[in-house]
Amino acid sequence: MSYTYATFSQALAAYMAVPNNNVADTQFVAMLPSAIDSAEERCYQDLDLISLTSQPQAFPATATKRLVAITAQGAAPQIMAVERVGIYAGSPVALNACAPVSMEWLDLVYGDQVTGLPRFYAMRDDVTIALGPNPDQAYSVTVVGKASYTPLSANNTTTWLTQHVPALFLAAAMINATGFQRNFGAQADDPRSAMSWLTEYNALLPRAQELAMRQRQHGWMQVTAERSPPPTQPGSPGPPP
């Protein structure tokens, strides 16, 4: 089973007992975007989805300046959580991966004076990375990470959630929809009624998380994302925290 925007709207209307399952009902139309937004935010925060990993995006680094802005350009999605950073350099040009460290470690080891080919990076804020050593020339910095997603809508008729975990997505939407209907007590507290949608969501979540982990090759007999500590520069105080 999977949903499109139209079939999801119909299913949600049916579970909400909208008269005649009328998806054109004024109140249903008014609450639908909120239900979708709430469901997507809940699901995407609970699932580490590889499908949200961005394509590599290139950003310019300025010689002797360690800060690089990673604000999205043009139609590219904004990277919300950085996962990998690399520097294109050398002859022939090759991608040199940078290891993540803390800003404190970067300040202690490199400060703002040491220059060279950057080997480490730290997050200064959510849209700025700091490099260490400071770039000795203008490099192209490539960044990969979790990107902002396109919500389900009449123009974007399917998403990873509607195609792969439709039951979880519907349960998440019904949590918001039940609140819209001000129907908290009977569903959650009456033992003769169906289990609450939050309980249903929590029951479905582990299977969805397992799927997300397997897609990222995390698990038994699979490669993990664990990395060895970055190499220590001669004379430095040790590996980053």
Protein backbone atom coordinates (compact mmCIF):
# COMPACT_ATOMS: atom_id res chain seq x y z
CA MET A 1 0.00 0.00 0.00
CA SER A 2 1.15 3.51 -0.74
CA TYR A 3 -0.47 6.92 -0.96
CA THR A 4 -0.57 9.80 -3.36
CA TYR A 5 -1.71 13.22 -2.21
CA ALA A 6 -5.25 12.41 -3.43
CA THR A 7 -5.51 8.94 -1.86
CA PHE A 8 -3.93 10.13 1.39
CA SER A 9 -6.49 12.95 1.59
CA GLN A 10 -9.27 10.42 1.06
CA ALA A 11 -7.90 8.07 3.72
CA LEU A 12 -7.49 10.90 6.23
CA ALA A 13 -11.03 12.10 5.57
CA ALA A 14 -12.35 8.57 6.12
CA TYR A 15 -10.53 8.11 9.45
CA MET A 16 -11.70 11.55 10.57
CA ALA A 17 -15.27 10.60 9.67
CA VAL A 18 -15.69 13.64 7.45
CA PRO A 19 -19.30 13.53 6.15
CA ASN A 20 -19.41 11.48 2.94
CA ASN A 21 -15.58 11.41 3.02
CA ASN A 22 -15.79 14.77 1.29
CA VAL A 23 -12.22 16.00 0.78
CA ALA A 24 -13.66 19.31 -0.43
CA ASP A 25 -15.26 19.92 2.98
CA THR A 26 -14.34 23.45 4.05
CA GLN A 27 -13.01 22.52 7.47
CA PHE A 28 -11.11 19.51 6.13
CA VAL A 29 -9.45 21.63 3.44
CA ALA A 30 -8.48 24.17 6.11
CA MET A 31 -6.82 21.62 8.42
CA LEU A 32 -5.18 19.35 5.82
CA PRO A 33 -1.95 21.39 5.35
CA SER A 34 -1.47 21.54 9.11
CA ALA A 35 -1.96 17.78 9.46
CA ILE A 36 0.56 17.10 6.69
CA ASP A 37 3.13 19.56 8.11
CA SER A 38 2.81 18.10 11.60
CA ALA A 39 3.06 14.50 10.33
CA GLU A 40 6.08 15.19 8.14
CA GLU A 41 7.92 17.06 10.89
CA ARG A 42 7.29 14.25 13.37
CA CYS A 43 8.31 11.48 10.95
CA TYR A 44 11.38 13.20 9.54
CA GLN A 45 12.65 14.01 13.03
CA ASP A 46 12.21 10.40 14.15
CA LEU A 47 13.71 8.81 11.02
CA ASP A 48 17.30 9.25 9.83
CA LEU A 49 16.43 9.02 6.14
CA ILE A 50 19.09 8.65 3.50
CA SER A 51 16.53 9.97 1.02
CA LEU A 52 16.97 13.43 2.58
CA THR A 53 20.72 13.40 1.93
CA SER A 54 21.55 16.20 -0.49
CA GLN A 55 23.57 16.05 -3.64
CA PRO A 56 27.07 17.54 -3.15
CA GLN A 57 26.91 21.31 -3.13
CA ALA A 58 29.95 23.48 -3.88
CA PHE A 59 30.81 26.62 -1.93
CA PRO A 60 33.80 28.95 -2.39
CA ALA A 61 36.51 29.25 0.25
CA THR A 62 38.60 32.42 0.38
CA ALA A 63 42.36 32.29 0.94
CA THR A 64 43.32 32.84 4.62
CA LYS A 65 39.63 32.99 5.63
CA ARG A 66 38.50 29.92 7.53
CA LEU A 67 34.74 30.61 7.50
CA VAL A 68 32.63 29.31 4.60
CA ALA A 69 28.93 30.14 4.24
CA ILE A 70 26.85 27.14 3.15
CA THR A 71 23.64 29.00 2.36
CA ALA A 72 21.82 27.29 -0.52
CA GLN A 73 22.19 28.86 -3.93
CA GLY A 74 19.50 28.94 -6.61
CA ALA A 75 17.12 25.98 -6.58
CA ALA A 76 19.37 23.80 -4.41
CA PRO A 77 17.81 22.74 -1.08
CA GLN A 78 19.24 24.18 2.11
CA ILE A 79 21.48 21.72 3.95
CA MET A 80 20.10 21.47 7.47
CA ALA A 81 22.67 19.11 9.01
CA VAL A 82 26.16 18.72 7.54
CA GLU A 83 27.40 15.13 7.18
CA ARG A 84 30.49 15.37 4.93
CA VAL A 85 32.86 18.14 3.88
CA GLY A 86 35.63 17.91 1.31
CA ILE A 87 38.12 20.19 -0.45
CA TYR A 88 38.89 19.94 -4.15
CA ALA A 89 42.61 20.50 -4.59
CA GLY A 90 45.80 19.13 -6.14
CA SER A 91 46.92 18.19 -9.62
CA PRO A 92 45.08 16.27 -10.85
CA VAL A 93 42.27 17.77 -8.79
CA ALA A 94 41.02 15.35 -6.14
CA LEU A 95 38.52 15.48 -3.30
CA ASN A 96 40.24 15.71 0.09
CA ALA A 97 37.85 14.69 2.86
CA CYS A 98 37.78 16.80 6.05
CA ALA A 99 37.19 15.31 9.48
CA PRO A 100 34.62 16.89 11.84
CA VAL A 101 35.89 18.46 15.06
CA SER A 102 34.65 21.00 17.60
CA MET A 103 35.16 24.75 17.25
CA GLU A 104 37.14 24.70 20.50
CA TRP A 105 39.59 22.14 19.11
CA LEU A 106 39.90 24.03 15.84
CA ASP A 107 40.63 27.28 17.70
CA LEU A 108 43.19 25.62 19.96
CA VAL A 109 45.11 23.83 17.21
CA TYR A 110 44.93 26.30 14.30
CA GLY A 111 43.62 29.64 15.57
CA ASP A 112 43.25 32.12 12.71
CA GLN A 113 46.89 32.20 11.54
CA VAL A 114 47.88 28.71 10.33
CA THR A 115 47.23 28.18 6.62
CA GLY A 116 47.35 25.14 4.36
CA LEU A 117 45.09 22.56 2.78
CA PRO A 118 42.12 22.24 5.19
CA ARG A 119 41.87 18.82 6.84
CA PHE A 120 39.24 19.50 9.51
CA TYR A 121 35.97 21.39 9.79
CA ALA A 122 33.71 22.56 12.60
CA MET A 123 30.19 24.01 12.61
CA ARG A 124 30.33 27.68 13.61
CA ASP A 125 26.56 27.93 13.25
CA ASP A 126 23.88 26.18 11.22
CA VAL A 127 24.89 27.85 7.93
CA THR A 128 28.64 28.43 8.44
CA ILE A 129 31.54 26.00 8.67
CA ALA A 130 35.06 26.78 9.86
CA LEU A 131 38.07 25.10 8.25
CA GLY A 132 41.39 24.14 9.70
CA PRO A 133 44.05 24.94 8.71
CA ASN A 134 42.81 28.17 7.17
CA PRO A 135 42.75 27.80 3.37
CA ASP A 136 46.05 28.83 1.79
CA GLN A 137 44.24 29.52 -1.49
CA ALA A 138 40.73 29.79 -2.90
CA TYR A 139 39.39 26.23 -2.78
CA SER A 140 36.07 24.74 -3.78
CA VAL A 141 34.41 23.23 -0.70
CA THR A 142 31.89 20.45 -1.28
CA VAL A 143 29.27 19.76 1.37
CA VAL A 144 26.78 16.91 1.74
CA GLY A 145 24.13 16.66 4.43
CA LYS A 146 20.49 16.41 5.36
CA ALA A 147 18.53 18.81 3.19
CA SER A 148 15.18 20.48 3.61
CA TYR A 149 12.34 18.40 2.17
CA THR A 150 9.50 19.19 -0.22
CA PRO A 151 6.14 18.72 1.58
CA LEU A 152 3.38 16.52 0.23
CA SER A 153 0.93 18.64 -1.76
CA ALA A 154 -1.19 18.72 -4.86
CA ASN A 155 1.96 19.69 -6.78
CA ASN A 156 4.24 17.18 -5.04
CA THR A 157 1.97 14.15 -5.03
CA THR A 158 4.26 11.54 -3.43
CA THR A 159 7.07 11.51 -0.86
CA TRP A 160 9.28 8.85 0.69
CA LEU A 161 6.84 8.70 3.60
CA THR A 162 3.75 8.10 1.48
CA GLN A 163 5.52 5.45 -0.60
CA HIS A 164 7.44 3.49 2.04
CA VAL A 165 5.77 4.06 5.44
CA PRO A 166 2.21 5.15 4.58
CA ALA A 167 0.67 3.70 7.76
CA LEU A 168 3.15 5.59 9.94
CA PHE A 169 2.50 8.81 8.03
CA LEU A 170 -1.27 8.41 8.35
CA ALA A 171 -0.99 7.75 12.10
CA ALA A 172 1.18 10.85 12.50
CA ALA A 173 -1.35 12.94 10.59
CA MET A 174 -4.19 11.59 12.72
CA ILE A 175 -2.45 12.76 15.89
CA ASN A 176 -2.84 16.31 14.63
CA ALA A 177 -6.28 15.65 13.13
CA THR A 178 -7.61 14.25 16.40
CA GLY A 179 -6.44 17.39 18.14
CA PHE A 180 -8.19 19.47 15.47
CA GLN A 181 -11.38 17.56 16.25
CA ARG A 182 -10.77 18.10 20.00
CA ASN A 183 -11.12 14.36 20.44
CA PHE A 184 -8.48 13.55 23.05
CA GLY A 185 -10.24 11.68 25.83
CA ALA A 186 -12.35 8.95 24.25
CA GLN A 187 -9.69 7.64 21.91
CA ALA A 188 -6.87 7.72 24.43
CA ASP A 189 -8.63 6.80 27.67
CA ASP A 190 -11.67 4.66 26.89
CA PRO A 191 -10.50 1.01 26.94
CA ARG A 192 -13.39 0.06 24.64
CA SER A 193 -12.23 2.43 21.91
CA ALA A 194 -9.38 2.02 19.41
CA MET A 195 -5.89 2.71 20.69
CA SER A 196 -4.78 6.31 20.43
CA TRP A 197 -3.09 7.40 17.25
CA LEU A 198 0.01 8.34 19.20
CA THR A 199 0.22 4.80 20.52
CA GLU A 200 -0.32 3.48 17.00
CA TYR A 201 2.43 5.76 15.70
CA ASN A 202 4.86 4.62 18.40
CA ALA A 203 4.07 0.99 17.60
CA LEU A 204 4.82 1.49 13.90
CA LEU A 205 7.90 3.68 14.39
CA PRO A 206 10.52 0.97 15.22
CA ARG A 207 9.88 -0.86 11.96
CA ALA A 208 10.20 2.36 9.99
CA GLN A 209 13.43 3.21 11.83
CA GLU A 210 14.80 -0.24 11.04
CA LEU A 211 14.06 0.31 7.35
CA ALA A 212 15.79 3.69 7.46
CA MET A 213 18.84 2.16 9.17
CA ARG A 214 19.07 -0.66 6.65
CA GLN A 215 18.95 1.83 3.78
CA ARG A 216 21.91 3.58 5.39
CA GLN A 217 23.65 0.19 5.77
CA HIS A 218 23.55 0.34 9.56
CA GLY A 219 23.03 -2.93 11.37
CA TRP A 220 24.18 -6.52 11.62
CA MET A 221 26.89 -7.43 9.08
CA GLN A 222 26.66 -3.99 7.51
CA VAL A 223 29.04 -1.05 7.30
CA THR A 224 28.38 1.66 9.90
CA ALA A 225 29.01 5.37 9.79
CA GLU A 226 31.55 5.18 12.63
CA ARG A 227 34.84 6.82 11.72
CA SER A 228 38.29 6.61 13.22
CA PRO A 229 39.44 9.72 15.07
CA PRO A 230 41.08 12.25 12.75
CA PRO A 231 44.90 12.15 12.63
CA THR A 232 46.69 14.35 15.13
CA GLN A 233 48.98 17.10 13.89
CA PRO A 234 52.54 16.95 15.27
CA GLY A 235 52.71 19.05 18.39
CA SER A 236 48.95 19.32 18.76
CA PRO A 237 47.23 18.66 22.10
CA GLY A 238 45.62 15.42 20.96
CA PRO A 239 42.52 14.18 19.20
CA PRO A 240 39.36 16.28 19.21
CA PRO A 241 36.74 15.65 21.86
